[in-house]
Amino acid sequence: MDYFRELQANDGVRAVILTATGDRFFSAGLDIKEMESLPVVWYANVGCINSVAWARLLKDALAERNIPMLLLDCDYIDPTYVNEAELKDKTETFFEMLEERKEG
C-alpha cells in the first residue's frame, strides 16, 4: 500500500496498470477501506457475466466511500464493441474529473 501512496503523491503518474506475464493470469484483491481516495479503473469484459456483476458491486461500494471508478466496458473477442474514440473520451473525462477533485 505504501508504494501506491507514493504513486498517488507523484503528479507525473496518471495511471498504474497491473498485468500478468507469460501464460499466467493476474487477479488482485484488496480491502477498499484501505484505499482512501485511490481511483479505480475496471476493464469489464461484457462477455463475462461475472466481470459485469463484480464491476457493478465494486462501483457501488466505492461510491459509498467517495472513491472514483472508471468502468470500461469492452469485449475480449470483438474489438469493435467499443471504438477507440469512445474509450479515449471516457478515459480523458475520468482523468479530468480526477484533476478537478485534486484541485478542489
N, C-alpha and C. Protein backbone atom coordinates (compact mmCIF):
# COMPACT_ATOMS: atom_id res chain seq x y z
N MET A 1 0.82 -1.19 0.00
CA MET A 1 0.00 0.00 0.00
C MET A 1 0.87 1.26 0.00
N ASP A 2 2.03 1.22 0.64
CA ASP A 2 2.90 2.39 0.66
C ASP A 2 3.33 2.78 -0.75
N TYR A 3 3.60 1.78 -1.58
CA TYR A 3 4.01 2.04 -2.96
C TYR A 3 2.92 2.80 -3.70
N PHE A 4 1.67 2.42 -3.52
CA PHE A 4 0.57 3.10 -4.20
C PHE A 4 0.38 4.52 -3.66
N ARG A 5 0.65 4.73 -2.38
CA ARG A 5 0.59 6.09 -1.84
C ARG A 5 1.66 6.97 -2.48
N GLU A 6 2.85 6.40 -2.69
CA GLU A 6 3.92 7.14 -3.36
C GLU A 6 3.50 7.50 -4.78
N LEU A 7 2.90 6.55 -5.48
CA LEU A 7 2.43 6.82 -6.84
C LEU A 7 1.36 7.89 -6.84
N GLN A 8 0.47 7.84 -5.86
CA GLN A 8 -0.61 8.82 -5.77
C GLN A 8 -0.04 10.22 -5.54
N ALA A 9 1.01 10.34 -4.78
CA ALA A 9 1.61 11.64 -4.48
C ALA A 9 2.42 12.19 -5.65
N ASN A 10 2.77 11.35 -6.61
CA ASN A 10 3.58 11.74 -7.75
C ASN A 10 2.67 12.33 -8.84
N ASP A 11 2.77 13.64 -9.06
CA ASP A 11 1.91 14.30 -10.04
C ASP A 11 2.16 13.83 -11.47
N GLY A 12 3.31 13.21 -11.72
CA GLY A 12 3.61 12.72 -13.05
C GLY A 12 2.93 11.40 -13.39
N VAL A 13 2.39 10.71 -12.39
CA VAL A 13 1.74 9.42 -12.62
C VAL A 13 0.24 9.65 -12.80
N ARG A 14 -0.26 9.25 -13.97
CA ARG A 14 -1.70 9.41 -14.24
C ARG A 14 -2.43 8.08 -14.20
N ALA A 15 -1.69 6.99 -14.34
CA ALA A 15 -2.33 5.67 -14.33
C ALA A 15 -1.29 4.62 -13.95
N VAL A 16 -1.78 3.56 -13.32
CA VAL A 16 -0.96 2.41 -13.00
C VAL A 16 -1.68 1.19 -13.56
N ILE A 17 -0.97 0.41 -14.34
CA ILE A 17 -1.57 -0.77 -14.95
C ILE A 17 -0.85 -2.00 -14.42
N LEU A 18 -1.59 -2.90 -13.83
CA LEU A 18 -1.03 -4.16 -13.34
C LEU A 18 -1.39 -5.24 -14.35
N THR A 19 -0.40 -6.00 -14.76
CA THR A 19 -0.65 -7.05 -15.73
C THR A 19 0.06 -8.33 -15.32
N ALA A 20 -0.25 -9.37 -16.01
CA ALA A 20 0.43 -10.65 -15.81
C ALA A 20 1.45 -10.82 -16.93
N THR A 21 2.36 -11.76 -16.75
CA THR A 21 3.31 -12.05 -17.82
C THR A 21 3.23 -13.53 -18.18
N GLY A 22 3.65 -13.84 -19.39
CA GLY A 22 3.66 -15.23 -19.80
C GLY A 22 2.26 -15.80 -19.92
N ASP A 23 2.11 -17.05 -19.48
CA ASP A 23 0.82 -17.73 -19.60
C ASP A 23 0.04 -17.72 -18.29
N ARG A 24 0.34 -16.78 -17.42
CA ARG A 24 -0.34 -16.70 -16.12
C ARG A 24 -1.40 -15.61 -16.15
N PHE A 25 -2.41 -15.79 -15.32
CA PHE A 25 -3.45 -14.78 -15.19
C PHE A 25 -3.13 -13.91 -14.00
N PHE A 26 -3.67 -12.71 -14.01
CA PHE A 26 -3.46 -11.79 -12.89
C PHE A 26 -4.80 -11.45 -12.28
N SER A 27 -4.86 -11.51 -10.99
CA SER A 27 -6.05 -11.11 -10.26
C SER A 27 -5.58 -10.48 -8.96
N ALA A 28 -6.22 -9.44 -8.56
CA ALA A 28 -5.80 -8.76 -7.33
C ALA A 28 -7.02 -8.50 -6.46
N GLY A 29 -6.76 -8.43 -5.20
CA GLY A 29 -7.81 -8.09 -4.26
C GLY A 29 -7.23 -7.23 -3.16
N LEU A 30 -8.02 -6.36 -2.62
CA LEU A 30 -7.58 -5.55 -1.50
C LEU A 30 -8.80 -5.05 -0.75
N ASP A 31 -8.55 -4.56 0.41
CA ASP A 31 -9.61 -4.03 1.26
C ASP A 31 -9.87 -2.59 0.84
N ILE A 32 -11.06 -2.30 0.31
CA ILE A 32 -11.31 -0.94 -0.17
C ILE A 32 -11.29 0.08 0.96
N LYS A 33 -11.39 -0.37 2.20
CA LYS A 33 -11.29 0.56 3.32
C LYS A 33 -9.88 1.14 3.40
N GLU A 34 -8.90 0.42 2.86
CA GLU A 34 -7.52 0.88 2.88
C GLU A 34 -7.16 1.74 1.68
N MET A 35 -8.06 1.89 0.75
CA MET A 35 -7.75 2.58 -0.49
C MET A 35 -7.77 4.10 -0.36
N GLU A 36 -8.42 4.60 0.66
CA GLU A 36 -8.62 6.03 0.82
C GLU A 36 -9.24 6.58 -0.45
N SER A 37 -8.54 7.43 -1.16
CA SER A 37 -9.15 8.04 -2.34
C SER A 37 -8.47 7.62 -3.63
N LEU A 38 -7.84 6.45 -3.64
CA LEU A 38 -7.21 5.98 -4.88
C LEU A 38 -8.28 5.68 -5.93
N PRO A 39 -8.17 6.26 -7.11
CA PRO A 39 -9.14 5.96 -8.16
C PRO A 39 -8.96 4.54 -8.69
N VAL A 40 -10.04 3.99 -9.23
CA VAL A 40 -10.03 2.62 -9.74
C VAL A 40 -10.45 2.64 -11.20
N VAL A 41 -9.73 1.87 -12.03
CA VAL A 41 -10.12 1.66 -13.42
C VAL A 41 -10.40 0.17 -13.56
N TRP A 42 -11.61 -0.17 -14.01
CA TRP A 42 -12.03 -1.56 -14.15
C TRP A 42 -12.34 -1.83 -15.61
N TYR A 43 -11.65 -2.80 -16.16
CA TYR A 43 -11.84 -3.24 -17.54
C TYR A 43 -12.79 -4.43 -17.49
N ALA A 44 -14.03 -4.22 -17.85
CA ALA A 44 -15.05 -5.27 -17.73
C ALA A 44 -15.34 -5.89 -19.10
N ASN A 45 -15.13 -7.17 -19.18
CA ASN A 45 -15.45 -7.91 -20.40
C ASN A 45 -16.95 -8.19 -20.41
N VAL A 46 -17.66 -7.57 -21.35
CA VAL A 46 -19.12 -7.72 -21.40
C VAL A 46 -19.54 -9.15 -21.68
N GLY A 47 -18.63 -9.96 -22.20
CA GLY A 47 -18.94 -11.36 -22.47
C GLY A 47 -18.87 -12.22 -21.21
N CYS A 48 -18.45 -11.64 -20.11
CA CYS A 48 -18.31 -12.38 -18.86
C CYS A 48 -19.28 -11.80 -17.83
N ILE A 49 -20.34 -12.51 -17.54
CA ILE A 49 -21.37 -12.02 -16.62
C ILE A 49 -20.79 -11.73 -15.24
N ASN A 50 -19.79 -12.52 -14.83
CA ASN A 50 -19.18 -12.28 -13.52
C ASN A 50 -18.42 -10.96 -13.48
N SER A 51 -17.72 -10.65 -14.56
CA SER A 51 -16.98 -9.39 -14.63
C SER A 51 -17.92 -8.20 -14.54
N VAL A 52 -19.03 -8.27 -15.25
CA VAL A 52 -20.00 -7.18 -15.24
C VAL A 52 -20.67 -7.07 -13.87
N ALA A 53 -21.02 -8.18 -13.27
CA ALA A 53 -21.67 -8.16 -11.94
C ALA A 53 -20.72 -7.62 -10.88
N TRP A 54 -19.47 -8.07 -10.88
CA TRP A 54 -18.50 -7.57 -9.91
C TRP A 54 -18.23 -6.09 -10.11
N ALA A 55 -18.22 -5.65 -11.35
CA ALA A 55 -17.98 -4.23 -11.63
C ALA A 55 -19.06 -3.38 -10.98
N ARG A 56 -20.31 -3.79 -11.11
CA ARG A 56 -21.41 -3.02 -10.52
C ARG A 56 -21.31 -3.02 -8.99
N LEU A 57 -21.06 -4.16 -8.39
CA LEU A 57 -20.92 -4.23 -6.93
C LEU A 57 -19.76 -3.37 -6.44
N LEU A 58 -18.64 -3.45 -7.15
CA LEU A 58 -17.48 -2.66 -6.76
C LEU A 58 -17.76 -1.17 -6.91
N LYS A 59 -18.36 -0.79 -8.01
CA LYS A 59 -18.65 0.63 -8.25
C LYS A 59 -19.56 1.19 -7.15
N ASP A 60 -20.56 0.44 -6.75
CA ASP A 60 -21.46 0.88 -5.68
C ASP A 60 -20.73 1.00 -4.35
N ALA A 61 -19.88 0.03 -4.02
CA ALA A 61 -19.13 0.05 -2.77
C ALA A 61 -18.15 1.22 -2.75
N LEU A 62 -17.51 1.48 -3.88
CA LEU A 62 -16.57 2.59 -3.95
C LEU A 62 -17.30 3.93 -3.86
N ALA A 63 -18.45 4.03 -4.49
CA ALA A 63 -19.23 5.28 -4.44
C ALA A 63 -19.62 5.64 -3.00
N GLU A 64 -19.93 4.63 -2.20
CA GLU A 64 -20.26 4.89 -0.79
C GLU A 64 -19.09 5.53 -0.05
N ARG A 65 -17.89 5.30 -0.51
CA ARG A 65 -16.68 5.83 0.14
C ARG A 65 -16.09 7.00 -0.66
N ASN A 66 -16.82 7.47 -1.66
CA ASN A 66 -16.40 8.59 -2.49
C ASN A 66 -15.09 8.30 -3.22
N ILE A 67 -14.92 7.07 -3.66
CA ILE A 67 -13.74 6.66 -4.43
C ILE A 67 -14.15 6.58 -5.90
N PRO A 68 -13.50 7.36 -6.77
CA PRO A 68 -13.89 7.37 -8.17
C PRO A 68 -13.51 6.08 -8.90
N MET A 69 -14.36 5.69 -9.84
CA MET A 69 -14.12 4.48 -10.62
C MET A 69 -14.47 4.72 -12.08
N LEU A 70 -13.57 4.33 -12.94
CA LEU A 70 -13.81 4.35 -14.38
C LEU A 70 -14.10 2.92 -14.81
N LEU A 71 -15.27 2.71 -15.35
CA LEU A 71 -15.67 1.39 -15.82
C LEU A 71 -15.58 1.36 -17.34
N LEU A 72 -14.68 0.53 -17.84
CA LEU A 72 -14.51 0.40 -19.29
C LEU A 72 -15.15 -0.91 -19.73
N ASP A 73 -16.28 -0.81 -20.41
CA ASP A 73 -16.95 -1.99 -20.95
C ASP A 73 -16.32 -2.34 -22.29
N CYS A 74 -15.72 -3.50 -22.35
CA CYS A 74 -15.05 -3.94 -23.57
C CYS A 74 -15.36 -5.40 -23.83
N ASP A 75 -14.94 -5.87 -24.97
CA ASP A 75 -15.15 -7.27 -25.33
C ASP A 75 -13.82 -7.85 -25.81
N TYR A 76 -13.35 -8.89 -25.13
CA TYR A 76 -12.07 -9.50 -25.48
C TYR A 76 -12.10 -10.12 -26.87
N ILE A 77 -13.26 -10.56 -27.31
CA ILE A 77 -13.38 -11.25 -28.60
C ILE A 77 -13.62 -10.28 -29.74
N ASP A 78 -14.49 -9.30 -29.53
CA ASP A 78 -14.87 -8.36 -30.58
C ASP A 78 -14.31 -6.97 -30.29
N PRO A 79 -13.18 -6.61 -30.87
CA PRO A 79 -12.58 -5.30 -30.60
C PRO A 79 -13.40 -4.13 -31.12
N THR A 80 -14.40 -4.40 -31.95
CA THR A 80 -15.24 -3.31 -32.47
C THR A 80 -16.39 -2.98 -31.53
N TYR A 81 -16.52 -3.70 -30.41
CA TYR A 81 -17.60 -3.45 -29.45
C TYR A 81 -17.60 -1.99 -29.00
N VAL A 82 -16.44 -1.46 -28.70
CA VAL A 82 -16.28 -0.05 -28.33
C VAL A 82 -15.19 0.52 -29.22
N ASN A 83 -15.47 1.67 -29.83
CA ASN A 83 -14.43 2.23 -30.70
C ASN A 83 -13.41 3.02 -29.89
N GLU A 84 -12.25 3.19 -30.47
CA GLU A 84 -11.13 3.81 -29.79
C GLU A 84 -11.44 5.24 -29.34
N ALA A 85 -12.17 5.99 -30.14
CA ALA A 85 -12.51 7.37 -29.79
C ALA A 85 -13.37 7.42 -28.51
N GLU A 86 -14.32 6.49 -28.39
CA GLU A 86 -15.16 6.43 -27.19
C GLU A 86 -14.32 6.13 -25.95
N LEU A 87 -13.43 5.15 -26.06
CA LEU A 87 -12.56 4.80 -24.93
C LEU A 87 -11.67 5.98 -24.54
N LYS A 88 -11.12 6.64 -25.54
CA LYS A 88 -10.25 7.78 -25.28
C LYS A 88 -11.03 8.89 -24.59
N ASP A 89 -12.21 9.20 -25.08
CA ASP A 89 -13.04 10.25 -24.49
C ASP A 89 -13.42 9.93 -23.04
N LYS A 90 -13.84 8.70 -22.83
CA LYS A 90 -14.23 8.28 -21.48
C LYS A 90 -13.05 8.36 -20.51
N THR A 91 -11.88 7.93 -20.97
CA THR A 91 -10.68 7.95 -20.13
C THR A 91 -10.24 9.38 -19.85
N GLU A 92 -10.22 10.22 -20.87
CA GLU A 92 -9.82 11.61 -20.67
C GLU A 92 -10.78 12.34 -19.72
N THR A 93 -12.06 12.09 -19.86
CA THR A 93 -13.05 12.71 -18.97
C THR A 93 -12.82 12.27 -17.53
N PHE A 94 -12.50 11.00 -17.33
CA PHE A 94 -12.23 10.49 -15.98
C PHE A 94 -11.01 11.19 -15.38
N PHE A 95 -9.93 11.30 -16.15
CA PHE A 95 -8.72 11.94 -15.62
C PHE A 95 -8.93 13.43 -15.39
N GLU A 96 -9.74 14.08 -16.21
CA GLU A 96 -10.06 15.49 -15.96
C GLU A 96 -10.82 15.64 -14.65
N MET A 97 -11.76 14.73 -14.39
CA MET A 97 -12.51 14.75 -13.15
C MET A 97 -11.57 14.56 -11.96
N LEU A 98 -10.59 13.67 -12.09
CA LEU A 98 -9.63 13.45 -11.03
C LEU A 98 -8.81 14.71 -10.75
N GLU A 99 -8.41 15.40 -11.82
CA GLU A 99 -7.66 16.66 -11.66
C GLU A 99 -8.51 17.70 -10.93
N GLU A 100 -9.77 17.80 -11.29
CA GLU A 100 -10.67 18.77 -10.64
C GLU A 100 -10.83 18.44 -9.16
N ARG A 101 -10.95 17.17 -8.84
CA ARG A 101 -11.08 16.76 -7.44
C ARG A 101 -9.81 17.10 -6.66
N LYS A 102 -8.67 16.93 -7.34
CA LYS A 102 -7.38 17.20 -6.69
C LYS A 102 -7.23 18.70 -6.39
N GLU A 103 -7.68 19.53 -7.33
CA GLU A 103 -7.57 20.97 -7.17
C GLU A 103 -8.59 21.53 -6.19
N GLY A 104 -9.74 20.87 -6.11
CA GLY A 104 -10.85 21.37 -5.30
C GLY A 104 -10.79 20.92 -3.93
